[in-house]
Amino acid sequence: MSNEHPAWRTVPIDEVVRANVTSGHHFFDRETLRFFSSRIARTAQAATVEMRDDGGRVWRVRVALFVTSEQFVPFDGPPDPRRWTVRLHCWDLDRTWNYASDELGTFQQYASGKAANATVRHVVDTWSTRDLTSILERNVRWWRKVDANA
């Protein structure tokens, strides 16, 4: 694990959607997006990180950061204000069933898309590979257990 800067690049959100669907997850399902009145950014910032687990196995993990917005619309009243969330999705490039989605921060943390996008930019500009792998270690530990039980 190094302190180097990951090679982030802008990718179409379709890359993240494909990985999500291939893994059998439903984050981008039409019904899910409709329920939360979600809007999804058209692009994501993505990087690939290689990490070694405590058993010595190498994991090639693709990480994507992107912004969504959600709005609660009650059945009997005016809608709440639209809020924004920074998402961190990651998947195993070698074992396509391993996929995880998290918020970076909290759900609907941001009152504006500009603030959420500034957080994505901050992560891309400042986080090292070490910062990313420390966040991803929890997912790799879980994937390792799932693989062992498969």
C-alpha atoms as a PDB file:
ATOM      1  CA  MET A   1       0.000   0.000   0.000  1.00  0.00           C
ATOM      2  CA  SER A   2       1.580   3.246  -1.069  1.00  0.00           C
ATOM      3  CA  ASN A   3       1.042   6.893  -0.479  1.00  0.00           C
ATOM      4  CA  GLU A   4       0.990   7.682  -4.193  1.00  0.00           C
ATOM      5  CA  HIS A   5      -1.882   9.482  -5.850  1.00  0.00           C
ATOM      6  CA  PRO A   6      -4.350   7.170  -7.656  1.00  0.00           C
ATOM      7  CA  ALA A   7      -4.826   7.736 -11.382  1.00  0.00           C
ATOM      8  CA  TRP A   8      -8.363   9.148 -11.406  1.00  0.00           C
ATOM      9  CA  ARG A   9     -10.132   9.745 -14.687  1.00  0.00           C
ATOM     10  CA  THR A  10     -13.584  10.846 -15.724  1.00  0.00           C
ATOM     11  CA  VAL A  11     -15.685   7.961 -17.046  1.00  0.00           C
ATOM     12  CA  PRO A  12     -19.301   7.703 -18.223  1.00  0.00           C
ATOM     13  CA  ILE A  13     -21.643   6.628 -15.431  1.00  0.00           C
ATOM     14  CA  ASP A  14     -22.486   3.661 -17.692  1.00  0.00           C
ATOM     15  CA  GLU A  15     -19.268   1.968 -16.502  1.00  0.00           C
ATOM     16  CA  VAL A  16     -20.566   1.995 -12.937  1.00  0.00           C
ATOM     17  CA  VAL A  17     -24.061   0.931 -14.028  1.00  0.00           C
ATOM     18  CA  ARG A  18     -22.652  -2.063 -15.955  1.00  0.00           C
ATOM     19  CA  ALA A  19     -20.598  -3.222 -12.964  1.00  0.00           C
ATOM     20  CA  ASN A  20     -23.628  -2.850 -10.690  1.00  0.00           C
ATOM     21  CA  VAL A  21     -25.910  -4.828 -13.004  1.00  0.00           C
ATOM     22  CA  THR A  22     -23.272  -7.506 -13.724  1.00  0.00           C
ATOM     23  CA  SER A  23     -22.838  -8.089  -9.997  1.00  0.00           C
ATOM     24  CA  GLY A  24     -26.586  -8.568  -9.532  1.00  0.00           C
ATOM     25  CA  HIS A  25     -27.167  -5.364  -7.557  1.00  0.00           C
ATOM     26  CA  HIS A  26     -30.094  -2.992  -8.079  1.00  0.00           C
ATOM     27  CA  PHE A  27     -28.866   0.511  -7.235  1.00  0.00           C
ATOM     28  CA  PHE A  28     -29.643   1.803 -10.731  1.00  0.00           C
ATOM     29  CA  ASP A  29     -32.967  -0.008 -11.238  1.00  0.00           C
ATOM     30  CA  ARG A  30     -35.657   2.261 -12.646  1.00  0.00           C
ATOM     31  CA  GLU A  31     -37.990   1.492  -9.708  1.00  0.00           C
ATOM     32  CA  THR A  32     -35.296   2.327  -7.147  1.00  0.00           C
ATOM     33  CA  LEU A  33     -34.469   5.622  -8.830  1.00  0.00           C
ATOM     34  CA  ARG A  34     -38.160   6.517  -9.123  1.00  0.00           C
ATOM     35  CA  PHE A  35     -38.857   5.719  -5.457  1.00  0.00           C
ATOM     36  CA  PHE A  36     -36.138   8.147  -4.302  1.00  0.00           C
ATOM     37  CA  SER A  37     -36.818  10.676  -7.104  1.00  0.00           C
ATOM     38  CA  SER A  38     -33.128  10.199  -7.887  1.00  0.00           C
ATOM     39  CA  ARG A  39     -31.002  11.964 -10.413  1.00  0.00           C
ATOM     40  CA  ILE A  40     -27.623  10.495 -11.264  1.00  0.00           C
ATOM     41  CA  ALA A  41     -24.551  12.343 -12.544  1.00  0.00           C
ATOM     42  CA  ARG A  42     -23.651  11.474 -16.131  1.00  0.00           C
ATOM     43  CA  THR A  43     -20.014  10.901 -15.241  1.00  0.00           C
ATOM     44  CA  ALA A  44     -17.974   9.505 -12.368  1.00  0.00           C
ATOM     45  CA  GLN A  45     -14.401   9.838 -11.228  1.00  0.00           C
ATOM     46  CA  ALA A  46     -12.842   6.373 -11.325  1.00  0.00           C
ATOM     47  CA  ALA A  47      -9.533   4.808 -10.343  1.00  0.00           C
ATOM     48  CA  THR A  48      -8.191   1.291 -10.001  1.00  0.00           C
ATOM     49  CA  VAL A  49      -6.416   0.329  -6.789  1.00  0.00           C
ATOM     50  CA  GLU A  50      -4.449  -2.869  -6.248  1.00  0.00           C
ATOM     51  CA  MET A  51      -4.398  -4.029  -2.676  1.00  0.00           C
ATOM     52  CA  ARG A  52      -3.193  -7.088  -0.855  1.00  0.00           C
ATOM     53  CA  ASP A  53      -5.311  -8.623   1.894  1.00  0.00           C
ATOM     54  CA  ASP A  54      -3.856 -10.090   5.085  1.00  0.00           C
ATOM     55  CA  GLY A  55      -3.682 -13.501   3.363  1.00  0.00           C
ATOM     56  CA  GLY A  56      -1.483 -12.131   0.576  1.00  0.00           C
ATOM     57  CA  ARG A  57      -4.157 -12.230  -2.119  1.00  0.00           C
ATOM     58  CA  VAL A  58      -4.067  -9.306  -4.571  1.00  0.00           C
ATOM     59  CA  TRP A  59      -7.347  -7.527  -5.233  1.00  0.00           C
ATOM     60  CA  ARG A  60      -7.804  -5.202  -8.203  1.00  0.00           C
ATOM     61  CA  VAL A  61     -10.583  -2.884  -7.079  1.00  0.00           C
ATOM     62  CA  ARG A  62     -12.233  -0.283  -9.285  1.00  0.00           C
ATOM     63  CA  VAL A  63     -13.467   2.734  -7.335  1.00  0.00           C
ATOM     64  CA  ALA A  64     -15.956   5.279  -8.624  1.00  0.00           C
ATOM     65  CA  LEU A  65     -17.081   8.528  -7.026  1.00  0.00           C
ATOM     66  CA  PHE A  66     -20.184  10.269  -8.301  1.00  0.00           C
ATOM     67  CA  VAL A  67     -23.025  12.496  -7.170  1.00  0.00           C
ATOM     68  CA  THR A  68     -26.711  11.676  -6.910  1.00  0.00           C
ATOM     69  CA  SER A  69     -29.617  13.795  -5.775  1.00  0.00           C
ATOM     70  CA  GLU A  70     -32.748  12.597  -4.085  1.00  0.00           C
ATOM     71  CA  GLN A  71     -36.010  14.201  -3.093  1.00  0.00           C
ATOM     72  CA  PHE A  72     -38.630  12.867  -0.732  1.00  0.00           C
ATOM     73  CA  VAL A  73     -42.106  13.408  -2.116  1.00  0.00           C
ATOM     74  CA  PRO A  74     -44.830  12.529   0.411  1.00  0.00           C
ATOM     75  CA  PHE A  75     -48.230  11.311  -0.751  1.00  0.00           C
ATOM     76  CA  ASP A  76     -50.068  14.136   0.994  1.00  0.00           C
ATOM     77  CA  GLY A  77     -47.935  17.232   1.007  1.00  0.00           C
ATOM     78  CA  PRO A  78     -45.305  19.288  -0.692  1.00  0.00           C
ATOM     79  CA  PRO A  79     -41.985  17.639  -1.596  1.00  0.00           C
ATOM     80  CA  ASP A  80     -38.965  18.115   0.621  1.00  0.00           C
ATOM     81  CA  PRO A  81     -36.090  20.110  -0.848  1.00  0.00           C
ATOM     82  CA  ARG A  82     -33.816  18.159  -3.192  1.00  0.00           C
ATOM     83  CA  ARG A  83     -30.571  17.047  -1.494  1.00  0.00           C
ATOM     84  CA  TRP A  84     -27.304  15.591  -2.851  1.00  0.00           C
ATOM     85  CA  THR A  85     -25.208  12.589  -1.869  1.00  0.00           C
ATOM     86  CA  VAL A  86     -21.633  11.643  -2.800  1.00  0.00           C
ATOM     87  CA  ARG A  87     -21.471   7.943  -3.687  1.00  0.00           C
ATOM     88  CA  LEU A  88     -18.487   5.628  -3.532  1.00  0.00           C
ATOM     89  CA  HIS A  89     -19.027   2.409  -5.462  1.00  0.00           C
ATOM     90  CA  CYS A  90     -16.348  -0.226  -5.811  1.00  0.00           C
ATOM     91  CA  TRP A  91     -16.069  -3.606  -7.459  1.00  0.00           C
ATOM     92  CA  ASP A  92     -13.611  -6.409  -7.865  1.00  0.00           C
ATOM     93  CA  LEU A  93     -12.283  -6.466 -11.427  1.00  0.00           C
ATOM     94  CA  ASP A  94     -11.509 -10.185 -11.238  1.00  0.00           C
ATOM     95  CA  ARG A  95     -14.620 -11.452  -9.438  1.00  0.00           C
ATOM     96  CA  THR A  96     -17.568  -9.552 -10.895  1.00  0.00           C
ATOM     97  CA  TRP A  97     -20.011 -10.632  -8.172  1.00  0.00           C
ATOM     98  CA  ASN A  98     -18.060  -8.565  -5.594  1.00  0.00           C
ATOM     99  CA  TYR A  99     -19.580  -5.086  -5.570  1.00  0.00           C
ATOM    100  CA  ALA A 100     -20.210  -2.535  -2.841  1.00  0.00           C
ATOM    101  CA  SER A 101     -21.934   0.831  -2.704  1.00  0.00           C
ATOM    102  CA  ASP A 102     -21.571   3.380   0.046  1.00  0.00           C
ATOM    103  CA  GLU A 103     -22.109   7.036   0.704  1.00  0.00           C
ATOM    104  CA  LEU A 104     -19.015   9.124   1.191  1.00  0.00           C
ATOM    105  CA  GLY A 105     -20.290  11.005   4.206  1.00  0.00           C
ATOM    106  CA  THR A 106     -24.002  10.676   4.866  1.00  0.00           C
ATOM    107  CA  PHE A 107     -27.103  10.252   2.737  1.00  0.00           C
ATOM    108  CA  GLN A 108     -28.344  13.622   1.419  1.00  0.00           C
ATOM    109  CA  GLN A 109     -25.525  15.432   3.226  1.00  0.00           C
ATOM    110  CA  TYR A 110     -25.328  18.300   0.734  1.00  0.00           C
ATOM    111  CA  ALA A 111     -27.793  21.105   0.108  1.00  0.00           C
ATOM    112  CA  SER A 112     -26.394  21.728  -3.377  1.00  0.00           C
ATOM    113  CA  GLY A 113     -24.886  19.791  -6.237  1.00  0.00           C
ATOM    114  CA  LYS A 114     -22.017  22.280  -6.260  1.00  0.00           C
ATOM    115  CA  ALA A 115     -21.055  21.347  -2.682  1.00  0.00           C
ATOM    116  CA  ALA A 116     -21.288  17.603  -3.417  1.00  0.00           C
ATOM    117  CA  ASN A 117     -19.151  17.967  -6.552  1.00  0.00           C
ATOM    118  CA  ALA A 118     -16.590  19.982  -4.573  1.00  0.00           C
ATOM    119  CA  THR A 119     -16.232  17.010  -2.210  1.00  0.00           C
ATOM    120  CA  VAL A 120     -15.632  14.651  -5.150  1.00  0.00           C
ATOM    121  CA  ARG A 121     -13.010  17.067  -6.498  1.00  0.00           C
ATOM    122  CA  HIS A 122     -11.356  17.278  -3.056  1.00  0.00           C
ATOM    123  CA  VAL A 123     -11.081  13.482  -2.819  1.00  0.00           C
ATOM    124  CA  VAL A 124      -9.670  13.212  -6.331  1.00  0.00           C
ATOM    125  CA  ASP A 125      -7.140  15.968  -5.651  1.00  0.00           C
ATOM    126  CA  THR A 126      -5.985  14.926  -2.196  1.00  0.00           C
ATOM    127  CA  TRP A 127      -6.540  11.274  -1.342  1.00  0.00           C
ATOM    128  CA  SER A 128      -3.636   8.899  -1.677  1.00  0.00           C
ATOM    129  CA  THR A 129      -3.840   5.223  -2.568  1.00  0.00           C
ATOM    130  CA  ARG A 130      -3.379   4.561   1.151  1.00  0.00           C
ATOM    131  CA  ASP A 131      -6.463   6.661   1.974  1.00  0.00           C
ATOM    132  CA  LEU A 132      -8.546   4.717  -0.536  1.00  0.00           C
ATOM    133  CA  THR A 133      -7.351   1.279   0.509  1.00  0.00           C
ATOM    134  CA  SER A 134      -8.088   2.009   4.154  1.00  0.00           C
ATOM    135  CA  ILE A 135     -11.709   2.670   3.145  1.00  0.00           C
ATOM    136  CA  LEU A 136     -11.888  -0.343   0.817  1.00  0.00           C
ATOM    137  CA  GLU A 137     -10.397  -2.849   3.274  1.00  0.00           C
ATOM    138  CA  ARG A 138     -13.801  -3.472   4.891  1.00  0.00           C
ATOM    139  CA  ASN A 139     -15.287  -4.471   1.517  1.00  0.00           C
ATOM    140  CA  VAL A 140     -12.340  -6.707   0.640  1.00  0.00           C
ATOM    141  CA  ARG A 141     -12.635  -8.463   4.019  1.00  0.00           C
ATOM    142  CA  TRP A 142     -16.328  -9.098   3.296  1.00  0.00           C
ATOM    143  CA  TRP A 143     -15.660 -10.273  -0.282  1.00  0.00           C
ATOM    144  CA  ARG A 144     -12.989 -12.643   1.003  1.00  0.00           C
ATOM    145  CA  LYS A 145     -15.535 -14.234   3.386  1.00  0.00           C
ATOM    146  CA  VAL A 146     -18.129 -14.517   0.612  1.00  0.00           C
ATOM    147  CA  ASP A 147     -15.578 -16.103  -1.751  1.00  0.00           C
ATOM    148  CA  ALA A 148     -14.519 -18.574   0.944  1.00  0.00           C
ATOM    149  CA  ASN A 149     -18.137 -19.666   1.455  1.00  0.00           C
ATOM    150  CA  ALA A 150     -18.944 -19.949  -2.264  1.00  0.00           C
END
